[in-house]
Amino acid sequence: DVCEALNVTVSPGPTVRYSEGDNATLYCHISQKRKTDNLLAVRWVFAASPTQEYLMIKMTKFGSVQYYGNYTHHFHKQRLHLLKEKHGTMYKFLILSLQQTDQGHYICKVQEIGKHRNKWTAWSNGTAATEIRVISKSSDDPTFKKNHDAWKFFEDLYVYAVFVCSIGIVSVLLFTLVILC
């Protein structure tokens, strides 16, 4: 039932560019849980292509982090971190020291789990994705720094635009509240 599905969003997105060696931070925001005391299991899946998905990391309903497949190696455990923030409605996924092989789609899959007749039961699911593009830090490309700086400017401009729009929305809501009261 669509009305009972979790609302999951991933940011930044739908596509984000990073330079090779940069750290990436992806956020998975969850809303519309069926019951406030239900728990969430959060999984991050990597898809280099639409037909190949690999479970990377999971935070269980009890908050423990588990690594899967090739991501169980010590090298990846040092690079990948999954943290719970904002009362369990925001999950931060860190990928340290990006490489070309990290380029692809990252999918946040969330499952709402609750007790029903003393058994853990999955109540609802939600999924959202973003794409990471890794730009090579090629020393023989003189335009790289110029293009990268221009992209950073537009990223900042986007953040400012979102901030200004948010202030506008809050102002309209406050104005409406004042008029109604």
N, C-alpha and C. Protein backbone atom coordinates (compact mmCIF):
# COMPACT_ATOMS: atom_id res chain seq x y z
N ASP A 1 0.85 -1.18 0.00
CA ASP A 1 0.00 0.00 0.00
C ASP A 1 0.89 1.24 0.00
N VAL A 2 0.71 2.13 -0.95
CA VAL A 2 1.55 3.32 -1.10
C VAL A 2 1.44 4.23 0.11
N CYS A 3 0.25 4.35 0.68
CA CYS A 3 0.06 5.24 1.82
C CYS A 3 0.85 4.79 3.04
N GLU A 4 1.20 3.51 3.10
CA GLU A 4 1.91 2.99 4.25
C GLU A 4 3.39 2.79 3.97
N ALA A 5 3.88 3.19 2.82
CA ALA A 5 5.29 3.04 2.49
C ALA A 5 6.11 4.10 3.22
N LEU A 6 7.33 3.74 3.55
CA LEU A 6 8.25 4.71 4.12
C LEU A 6 8.62 5.74 3.06
N ASN A 7 8.78 6.98 3.49
CA ASN A 7 9.26 8.01 2.59
C ASN A 7 10.77 8.11 2.80
N VAL A 8 11.54 7.72 1.80
CA VAL A 8 13.00 7.71 1.89
C VAL A 8 13.55 8.66 0.83
N THR A 9 14.44 9.55 1.24
CA THR A 9 15.12 10.44 0.30
C THR A 9 16.62 10.38 0.57
N VAL A 10 17.39 10.52 -0.50
CA VAL A 10 18.85 10.52 -0.40
C VAL A 10 19.34 11.86 -0.90
N SER A 11 20.30 12.42 -0.18
CA SER A 11 20.92 13.67 -0.63
C SER A 11 22.43 13.54 -0.45
N PRO A 12 23.24 14.23 -1.21
CA PRO A 12 22.85 15.03 -2.36
C PRO A 12 22.44 14.13 -3.52
N GLY A 13 21.77 14.70 -4.48
CA GLY A 13 21.33 13.90 -5.62
C GLY A 13 20.62 14.77 -6.62
N PRO A 14 20.21 14.26 -7.73
CA PRO A 14 20.28 12.85 -8.13
C PRO A 14 21.68 12.41 -8.56
N THR A 15 22.54 13.36 -8.91
CA THR A 15 23.92 13.04 -9.27
C THR A 15 24.83 14.03 -8.56
N VAL A 16 25.93 13.52 -8.02
CA VAL A 16 26.89 14.38 -7.35
C VAL A 16 28.29 14.01 -7.85
N ARG A 17 29.12 15.04 -8.03
CA ARG A 17 30.48 14.84 -8.53
C ARG A 17 31.47 15.09 -7.40
N TYR A 18 32.45 14.22 -7.33
CA TYR A 18 33.55 14.37 -6.38
C TYR A 18 34.85 14.15 -7.13
N SER A 19 35.91 14.72 -6.60
CA SER A 19 37.24 14.47 -7.16
C SER A 19 37.80 13.21 -6.53
N GLU A 20 38.61 12.53 -7.28
CA GLU A 20 39.29 11.35 -6.77
C GLU A 20 40.06 11.74 -5.51
N GLY A 21 39.93 10.96 -4.45
CA GLY A 21 40.60 11.25 -3.19
C GLY A 21 39.73 12.01 -2.20
N ASP A 22 38.64 12.64 -2.68
CA ASP A 22 37.71 13.35 -1.78
C ASP A 22 36.95 12.35 -0.92
N ASN A 23 36.35 12.88 0.15
CA ASN A 23 35.43 12.10 0.98
C ASN A 23 34.01 12.43 0.56
N ALA A 24 33.16 11.42 0.46
CA ALA A 24 31.75 11.62 0.09
C ALA A 24 30.88 11.39 1.32
N THR A 25 29.87 12.22 1.48
CA THR A 25 28.88 12.05 2.54
C THR A 25 27.51 11.98 1.90
N LEU A 26 26.83 10.85 2.09
CA LEU A 26 25.48 10.66 1.57
C LEU A 26 24.53 10.56 2.76
N TYR A 27 23.38 11.20 2.63
CA TYR A 27 22.38 11.17 3.70
C TYR A 27 21.15 10.42 3.24
N CYS A 28 20.63 9.58 4.12
CA CYS A 28 19.39 8.85 3.87
C CYS A 28 18.39 9.31 4.93
N HIS A 29 17.37 10.05 4.50
CA HIS A 29 16.37 10.60 5.42
C HIS A 29 15.09 9.79 5.32
N ILE A 30 14.56 9.39 6.48
CA ILE A 30 13.38 8.54 6.53
C ILE A 30 12.25 9.25 7.25
N SER A 31 11.05 9.20 6.67
CA SER A 31 9.87 9.76 7.33
C SER A 31 8.67 8.86 7.05
N GLN A 32 7.58 9.15 7.71
CA GLN A 32 6.31 8.43 7.57
C GLN A 32 6.38 6.99 8.07
N LYS A 33 7.02 6.80 9.24
CA LYS A 33 6.97 5.48 9.85
C LYS A 33 5.53 5.19 10.28
N ARG A 34 5.15 3.93 10.25
CA ARG A 34 3.78 3.56 10.66
C ARG A 34 3.58 3.76 12.15
N LYS A 35 4.61 3.40 12.95
CA LYS A 35 4.53 3.57 14.40
C LYS A 35 5.85 4.18 14.87
N THR A 36 5.76 5.14 15.77
CA THR A 36 6.97 5.84 16.21
C THR A 36 7.94 4.93 16.94
N ASP A 37 7.44 3.87 17.60
CA ASP A 37 8.36 3.00 18.34
C ASP A 37 8.90 1.84 17.48
N ASN A 38 8.54 1.77 16.21
CA ASN A 38 9.13 0.77 15.32
C ASN A 38 10.59 1.11 15.07
N LEU A 39 11.38 0.11 14.73
CA LEU A 39 12.81 0.28 14.48
C LEU A 39 13.06 0.23 12.97
N LEU A 40 14.24 0.71 12.58
CA LEU A 40 14.60 0.74 11.16
C LEU A 40 15.87 -0.06 10.92
N ALA A 41 15.91 -0.78 9.81
CA ALA A 41 17.12 -1.42 9.31
C ALA A 41 17.47 -0.68 8.02
N VAL A 42 18.71 -0.18 7.95
CA VAL A 42 19.13 0.64 6.81
C VAL A 42 20.28 -0.06 6.08
N ARG A 43 20.12 -0.23 4.77
CA ARG A 43 21.14 -0.87 3.94
C ARG A 43 21.57 0.11 2.84
N TRP A 44 22.88 0.11 2.55
CA TRP A 44 23.39 0.84 1.40
C TRP A 44 23.88 -0.18 0.39
N VAL A 45 23.40 -0.03 -0.83
CA VAL A 45 23.72 -0.95 -1.92
C VAL A 45 24.44 -0.15 -3.01
N PHE A 46 25.48 -0.75 -3.59
CA PHE A 46 26.23 -0.12 -4.67
C PHE A 46 25.88 -0.80 -5.98
N ALA A 47 25.62 -0.01 -7.01
CA ALA A 47 25.33 -0.55 -8.35
C ALA A 47 26.23 0.15 -9.36
N ALA A 48 27.25 -0.56 -9.83
CA ALA A 48 28.12 -0.01 -10.87
C ALA A 48 27.37 0.06 -12.19
N SER A 49 26.44 -0.88 -12.37
CA SER A 49 25.56 -0.89 -13.54
C SER A 49 24.17 -1.31 -13.07
N PRO A 50 23.14 -1.07 -13.87
CA PRO A 50 21.77 -1.39 -13.43
C PRO A 50 21.54 -2.87 -13.12
N THR A 51 22.37 -3.75 -13.68
CA THR A 51 22.15 -5.18 -13.47
C THR A 51 22.99 -5.77 -12.34
N GLN A 52 23.91 -4.99 -11.78
CA GLN A 52 24.79 -5.51 -10.73
C GLN A 52 24.66 -4.66 -9.48
N GLU A 53 24.00 -5.22 -8.46
CA GLU A 53 23.88 -4.54 -7.17
C GLU A 53 24.64 -5.33 -6.12
N TYR A 54 25.35 -4.60 -5.24
CA TYR A 54 26.13 -5.23 -4.19
C TYR A 54 25.79 -4.58 -2.86
N LEU A 55 25.34 -5.40 -1.91
CA LEU A 55 25.09 -4.91 -0.56
C LEU A 55 26.43 -4.57 0.06
N MET A 56 26.57 -3.32 0.53
CA MET A 56 27.83 -2.86 1.09
C MET A 56 27.83 -2.91 2.61
N ILE A 57 26.84 -2.23 3.18
CA ILE A 57 26.85 -1.99 4.62
C ILE A 57 25.41 -1.91 5.10
N LYS A 58 25.21 -2.32 6.34
CA LYS A 58 23.86 -2.32 6.91
C LYS A 58 23.93 -1.91 8.38
N MET A 59 22.94 -1.12 8.80
CA MET A 59 22.75 -0.87 10.22
C MET A 59 21.50 -1.63 10.62
N THR A 60 21.66 -2.56 11.55
CA THR A 60 20.54 -3.39 11.97
C THR A 60 19.55 -2.58 12.78
N LYS A 61 18.40 -3.19 13.05
CA LYS A 61 17.36 -2.51 13.83
C LYS A 61 17.85 -2.13 15.22
N PHE A 62 18.91 -2.81 15.71
CA PHE A 62 19.45 -2.51 17.03
C PHE A 62 20.65 -1.56 16.97
N GLY A 63 21.00 -1.09 15.77
CA GLY A 63 22.04 -0.08 15.63
C GLY A 63 23.44 -0.60 15.38
N SER A 64 23.62 -1.91 15.23
CA SER A 64 24.96 -2.41 14.94
C SER A 64 25.21 -2.37 13.43
N VAL A 65 26.46 -2.11 13.06
CA VAL A 65 26.83 -1.98 11.65
C VAL A 65 27.48 -3.27 11.17
N GLN A 66 27.03 -3.74 10.02
CA GLN A 66 27.57 -4.97 9.42
C GLN A 66 28.02 -4.66 7.99
N TYR A 67 29.15 -5.28 7.61
CA TYR A 67 29.69 -5.13 6.25
C TYR A 67 29.44 -6.42 5.48
N TYR A 68 29.32 -6.32 4.15
CA TYR A 68 28.98 -7.48 3.33
C TYR A 68 29.91 -7.63 2.14
N GLY A 69 30.04 -8.86 1.66
CA GLY A 69 30.79 -9.16 0.44
C GLY A 69 32.23 -8.67 0.51
N ASN A 70 32.69 -8.06 -0.59
CA ASN A 70 34.05 -7.53 -0.64
C ASN A 70 34.26 -6.41 0.37
N TYR A 71 33.18 -5.83 0.86
CA TYR A 71 33.28 -4.70 1.78
C TYR A 71 33.60 -5.13 3.20
N THR A 72 33.76 -6.45 3.43
CA THR A 72 34.16 -6.94 4.76
C THR A 72 35.67 -6.82 4.96
N HIS A 73 36.42 -6.59 3.89
CA HIS A 73 37.87 -6.47 4.01
C HIS A 73 38.23 -5.23 4.83
N HIS A 74 39.32 -5.33 5.56
CA HIS A 74 39.78 -4.25 6.46
C HIS A 74 39.89 -2.92 5.72
N PHE A 75 40.38 -2.96 4.48
CA PHE A 75 40.55 -1.74 3.68
C PHE A 75 39.23 -0.99 3.55
N HIS A 76 38.15 -1.71 3.24
CA HIS A 76 36.85 -1.07 3.06
C HIS A 76 36.25 -0.65 4.40
N LYS A 77 36.48 -1.42 5.46
CA LYS A 77 35.93 -1.06 6.77
C LYS A 77 36.51 0.27 7.25
N GLN A 78 37.73 0.59 6.83
CA GLN A 78 38.33 1.88 7.20
C GLN A 78 37.73 3.01 6.37
N ARG A 79 37.25 2.72 5.17
CA ARG A 79 36.74 3.74 4.25
C ARG A 79 35.25 3.99 4.36
N LEU A 80 34.48 3.01 4.83
CA LEU A 80 33.02 3.11 4.84
C LEU A 80 32.50 3.20 6.27
N HIS A 81 31.66 4.20 6.52
CA HIS A 81 31.08 4.39 7.86
C HIS A 81 29.61 4.74 7.72
N LEU A 82 28.77 4.12 8.55
CA LEU A 82 27.34 4.38 8.57
C LEU A 82 26.96 4.83 9.97
N LEU A 83 26.38 6.03 10.07
CA LEU A 83 26.06 6.63 11.37
C LEU A 83 24.60 7.04 11.42
N LYS A 84 24.00 6.88 12.59
CA LYS A 84 22.60 7.29 12.80
C LYS A 84 22.61 8.69 13.38
N GLU A 85 21.75 9.57 12.83
CA GLU A 85 21.64 10.94 13.31
C GLU A 85 20.17 11.32 13.45
N LYS A 86 19.91 12.44 14.09
CA LYS A 86 18.57 13.04 14.21
C LYS A 86 17.50 12.05 14.63
N HIS A 87 17.66 11.49 15.81
CA HIS A 87 16.64 10.61 16.41
C HIS A 87 16.26 9.45 15.50
N GLY A 88 17.21 8.94 14.76
CA GLY A 88 16.95 7.78 13.93
C GLY A 88 16.18 8.04 12.66
N THR A 89 16.09 9.30 12.24
CA THR A 89 15.40 9.59 10.97
C THR A 89 16.39 9.97 9.87
N MET A 90 17.66 10.12 10.21
CA MET A 90 18.69 10.49 9.24
C MET A 90 19.89 9.57 9.45
N TYR A 91 20.36 8.99 8.36
CA TYR A 91 21.52 8.11 8.41
C TYR A 91 22.58 8.66 7.48
N LYS A 92 23.80 8.82 8.02
CA LYS A 92 24.90 9.40 7.25
C LYS A 92 25.85 8.28 6.83
N PHE A 93 26.11 8.20 5.52
CA PHE A 93 27.00 7.20 4.96
C PHE A 93 28.24 7.92 4.44
N LEU A 94 29.39 7.61 5.02
CA LEU A 94 30.65 8.24 4.64
C LEU A 94 31.48 7.26 3.81
N ILE A 95 32.01 7.77 2.71
CA ILE A 95 32.94 7.01 1.88
C ILE A 95 34.21 7.85 1.83
N LEU A 96 35.27 7.35 2.44
CA LEU A 96 36.51 8.11 2.52
C LEU A 96 37.41 7.79 1.34
N SER A 97 38.15 8.80 0.91
CA SER A 97 39.16 8.67 -0.14
C SER A 97 38.61 7.97 -1.39
N LEU A 98 37.70 8.67 -2.06
CA LEU A 98 37.04 8.12 -3.24
C LEU A 98 38.03 7.70 -4.33
N GLN A 99 37.67 6.61 -5.00
CA GLN A 99 38.46 6.09 -6.12
C GLN A 99 37.55 5.98 -7.34
N GLN A 100 38.14 5.79 -8.50
CA GLN A 100 37.35 5.64 -9.72
C GLN A 100 36.36 4.48 -9.61
N THR A 101 36.75 3.42 -8.89
CA THR A 101 35.88 2.25 -8.75
C THR A 101 34.66 2.54 -7.87
N ASP A 102 34.64 3.67 -7.17
CA ASP A 102 33.49 4.04 -6.34
C ASP A 102 32.39 4.71 -7.16
N GLN A 103 32.67 4.99 -8.42
CA GLN A 103 31.67 5.65 -9.27
C GLN A 103 30.52 4.71 -9.56
N GLY A 104 29.29 5.22 -9.38
CA GLY A 104 28.11 4.42 -9.65
C GLY A 104 26.92 4.90 -8.84
N HIS A 105 25.89 4.07 -8.77
CA HIS A 105 24.67 4.41 -8.05
C HIS A 105 24.72 3.85 -6.63
N TYR A 106 24.29 4.66 -5.67
CA TYR A 106 24.22 4.25 -4.27
C TYR A 106 22.75 4.29 -3.86
N ILE A 107 22.27 3.16 -3.37
CA ILE A 107 20.85 3.00 -3.06
C ILE A 107 20.69 2.77 -1.57
N CYS A 108 19.86 3.60 -0.94
CA CYS A 108 19.54 3.42 0.47
C CYS A 108 18.22 2.65 0.54
N LYS A 109 18.26 1.47 1.15
CA LYS A 109 17.07 0.64 1.30
C LYS A 109 16.74 0.54 2.79
N VAL A 110 15.52 0.92 3.13
CA VAL A 110 15.12 0.98 4.54
C VAL A 110 13.93 0.06 4.76
N GLN A 111 13.97 -0.62 5.89
CA GLN A 111 12.88 -1.51 6.28
C GLN A 111 12.44 -1.13 7.69
N GLU A 112 11.13 -0.89 7.85
CA GLU A 112 10.56 -0.59 9.16
C GLU A 112 10.16 -1.91 9.82
N ILE A 113 10.65 -2.11 11.04
CA ILE A 113 10.45 -3.38 11.74
C ILE A 113 9.84 -3.11 13.10
N GLY A 114 8.83 -3.89 13.46
CA GLY A 114 8.18 -3.73 14.76
C GLY A 114 7.75 -5.07 15.32
N LYS A 115 7.43 -5.06 16.60
CA LYS A 115 6.96 -6.29 17.26
C LYS A 115 5.48 -6.46 16.98
N HIS A 116 5.11 -7.68 16.61
CA HIS A 116 3.71 -8.04 16.43
C HIS A 116 3.54 -9.44 17.00
N ARG A 117 2.77 -9.54 18.06
CA ARG A 117 2.57 -10.82 18.76
C ARG A 117 3.90 -11.45 19.14
N ASN A 118 4.77 -10.63 19.74
CA ASN A 118 6.10 -11.05 20.22
C ASN A 118 7.04 -11.54 19.12
N LYS A 119 6.78 -11.19 17.87
CA LYS A 119 7.68 -11.53 16.77
C LYS A 119 8.02 -10.25 16.01
N TRP A 120 9.29 -10.16 15.58
CA TRP A 120 9.69 -9.02 14.76
C TRP A 120 9.07 -9.18 13.38
N THR A 121 8.41 -8.11 12.93
CA THR A 121 7.71 -8.13 11.65
C THR A 121 8.11 -6.90 10.84
N ALA A 122 8.34 -7.11 9.54
CA ALA A 122 8.62 -5.98 8.64
C ALA A 122 7.29 -5.35 8.25
N TRP A 123 7.14 -4.05 8.53
CA TRP A 123 5.88 -3.34 8.27
C TRP A 123 5.89 -2.62 6.93
N SER A 124 7.00 -1.98 6.61
CA SER A 124 7.05 -1.23 5.35
C SER A 124 8.49 -1.07 4.89
N ASN A 125 8.64 -0.71 3.62
CA ASN A 125 9.95 -0.55 3.00
C ASN A 125 9.99 0.77 2.24
N GLY A 126 11.20 1.26 2.03
CA GLY A 126 11.40 2.45 1.21
C GLY A 126 12.79 2.42 0.60
N THR A 127 12.93 3.05 -0.54
CA THR A 127 14.20 3.05 -1.27
C THR A 127 14.40 4.40 -1.95
N ALA A 128 15.64 4.85 -1.96
CA ALA A 128 16.02 6.06 -2.70
C ALA A 128 17.47 5.91 -3.14
N ALA A 129 17.86 6.65 -4.18
CA ALA A 129 19.21 6.47 -4.73
C ALA A 129 19.81 7.79 -5.18
N THR A 130 21.11 7.77 -5.31
CA THR A 130 21.86 8.88 -5.88
C THR A 130 23.01 8.28 -6.69
N GLU A 131 23.59 9.11 -7.54
CA GLU A 131 24.73 8.65 -8.35
C GLU A 131 25.95 9.47 -7.99
N ILE A 132 27.07 8.77 -7.78
CA ILE A 132 28.35 9.44 -7.54
C ILE A 132 29.19 9.31 -8.80
N ARG A 133 29.70 10.45 -9.25
CA ARG A 133 30.67 10.46 -10.35
C ARG A 133 32.00 10.92 -9.78
N VAL A 134 33.03 10.16 -10.05
CA VAL A 134 34.37 10.47 -9.53
C VAL A 134 35.20 11.04 -10.66
N ILE A 135 35.67 12.27 -10.46
CA ILE A 135 36.46 12.97 -11.46
C ILE A 135 37.93 12.70 -11.17
N SER A 136 38.64 12.24 -12.17
CA SER A 136 40.05 11.91 -12.02
C SER A 136 40.87 13.18 -11.80
N LYS A 137 41.81 13.09 -10.87
CA LYS A 137 42.74 14.21 -10.64
C LYS A 137 43.95 14.01 -11.54
N SER A 138 43.74 14.23 -12.80
CA SER A 138 44.79 14.01 -13.79
C SER A 138 45.69 15.23 -13.86
N SER A 139 46.99 15.02 -13.65
CA SER A 139 47.93 16.14 -13.68
C SER A 139 48.14 16.67 -15.09
N ASP A 140 47.84 15.86 -16.12
CA ASP A 140 48.02 16.35 -17.49
C ASP A 140 46.77 17.05 -18.03
N ASP A 141 45.79 17.33 -17.18
CA ASP A 141 44.58 18.04 -17.62
C ASP A 141 44.56 19.42 -16.97
N PRO A 142 45.04 20.47 -17.68
CA PRO A 142 45.11 21.80 -17.07
C PRO A 142 43.74 22.42 -16.79
N THR A 143 42.70 21.94 -17.45
CA THR A 143 41.37 22.52 -17.23
C THR A 143 40.66 21.91 -16.03
N PHE A 144 41.24 20.86 -15.44
CA PHE A 144 40.56 20.16 -14.35
C PHE A 144 40.26 21.10 -13.18
N LYS A 145 41.30 21.81 -12.69
CA LYS A 145 41.11 22.68 -11.53
C LYS A 145 40.10 23.77 -11.84
N LYS A 146 40.17 24.36 -13.02
CA LYS A 146 39.24 25.41 -13.41
C LYS A 146 37.80 24.88 -13.42
N ASN A 147 37.59 23.71 -14.03
CA ASN A 147 36.25 23.12 -14.08
C ASN A 147 35.77 22.72 -12.69
N HIS A 148 36.69 22.18 -11.89
CA HIS A 148 36.33 21.76 -10.53
C HIS A 148 35.92 22.97 -9.69
N ASP A 149 36.67 24.07 -9.80
CA ASP A 149 36.33 25.29 -9.05
C ASP A 149 34.98 25.84 -9.50
N ALA A 150 34.71 25.80 -10.80
CA ALA A 150 33.42 26.27 -11.32
C ALA A 150 32.29 25.41 -10.78
N TRP A 151 32.49 24.11 -10.73
CA TRP A 151 31.47 23.19 -10.20
C TRP A 151 31.22 23.47 -8.72
N LYS A 152 32.30 23.69 -7.96
CA LYS A 152 32.16 24.00 -6.53
C LYS A 152 31.32 25.27 -6.34
N PHE A 153 31.52 26.28 -7.23
CA PHE A 153 30.74 27.50 -7.15
C PHE A 153 29.26 27.20 -7.30
N PHE A 154 28.90 26.37 -8.28
CA PHE A 154 27.49 26.05 -8.51
C PHE A 154 26.91 25.19 -7.39
N GLU A 155 27.75 24.34 -6.76
CA GLU A 155 27.28 23.58 -5.60
C GLU A 155 26.91 24.55 -4.47
N ASP A 156 27.78 25.55 -4.23
CA ASP A 156 27.50 26.54 -3.19
C ASP A 156 26.27 27.36 -3.55
N LEU A 157 26.14 27.73 -4.81
CA LEU A 157 24.98 28.49 -5.26
C LEU A 157 23.69 27.70 -5.03
N TYR A 158 23.73 26.41 -5.29
CA TYR A 158 22.57 25.54 -5.06
C TYR A 158 22.19 25.54 -3.58
N VAL A 159 23.18 25.41 -2.70
CA VAL A 159 22.91 25.41 -1.25
C VAL A 159 22.27 26.73 -0.84
N TYR A 160 22.80 27.84 -1.34
CA TYR A 160 22.22 29.15 -1.01
C TYR A 160 20.79 29.27 -1.53
N ALA A 161 20.54 28.79 -2.73
CA ALA A 161 19.19 28.86 -3.30
C ALA A 161 18.21 28.05 -2.47
N VAL A 162 18.61 26.87 -2.04
CA VAL A 162 17.74 26.04 -1.19
C VAL A 162 17.48 26.76 0.13
N PHE A 163 18.51 27.37 0.69
CA PHE A 163 18.37 28.10 1.96
C PHE A 163 17.38 29.26 1.80
N VAL A 164 17.53 30.05 0.76
CA VAL A 164 16.64 31.19 0.53
C VAL A 164 15.21 30.72 0.31
N CYS A 165 15.03 29.66 -0.47
CA CYS A 165 13.67 29.12 -0.69
C CYS A 165 13.07 28.62 0.62
N SER A 166 13.88 27.99 1.45
CA SER A 166 13.38 27.50 2.74
C SER A 166 12.91 28.65 3.61
N ILE A 167 13.69 29.73 3.63
CA ILE A 167 13.29 30.91 4.41
C ILE A 167 11.98 31.47 3.86
N GLY A 168 11.83 31.49 2.54
CA GLY A 168 10.60 31.98 1.93
C GLY A 168 9.40 31.13 2.32
N ILE A 169 9.56 29.83 2.31
CA ILE A 169 8.47 28.93 2.68
C ILE A 169 8.09 29.13 4.14
N VAL A 170 9.09 29.22 5.01
CA VAL A 170 8.82 29.45 6.44
C VAL A 170 8.11 30.79 6.64
N SER A 171 8.53 31.81 5.90
CA SER A 171 7.89 33.12 6.01
C SER A 171 6.42 33.05 5.60
N VAL A 172 6.12 32.36 4.52
CA VAL A 172 4.74 32.22 4.06
C VAL A 172 3.92 31.47 5.11
N LEU A 173 4.48 30.42 5.68
CA LEU A 173 3.78 29.66 6.71
C LEU A 173 3.51 30.52 7.95
N LEU A 174 4.51 31.29 8.37
CA LEU A 174 4.32 32.17 9.53
C LEU A 174 3.28 33.25 9.24
N PHE A 175 3.31 33.82 8.03
CA PHE A 175 2.33 34.82 7.64
C PHE A 175 0.92 34.23 7.69
N THR A 176 0.77 33.02 7.15
CA THR A 176 -0.52 32.34 7.17
C THR A 176 -0.98 32.09 8.59
N LEU A 177 -0.06 31.68 9.45
CA LEU A 177 -0.39 31.42 10.85
C LEU A 177 -0.84 32.70 11.55
N VAL A 178 -0.16 33.82 11.28
CA VAL A 178 -0.53 35.10 11.88
C VAL A 178 -1.91 35.53 11.39
N ILE A 179 -2.18 35.36 10.11
CA ILE A 179 -3.48 35.74 9.54
C ILE A 179 -4.60 34.89 10.15
N LEU A 180 -4.36 33.60 10.30
CA LEU A 180 -5.38 32.70 10.82
C LEU A 180 -5.64 32.91 12.31
N CYS A 181 -4.65 33.31 13.05
CA CYS A 181 -4.80 33.51 14.50
C CYS A 181 -5.28 34.91 14.74
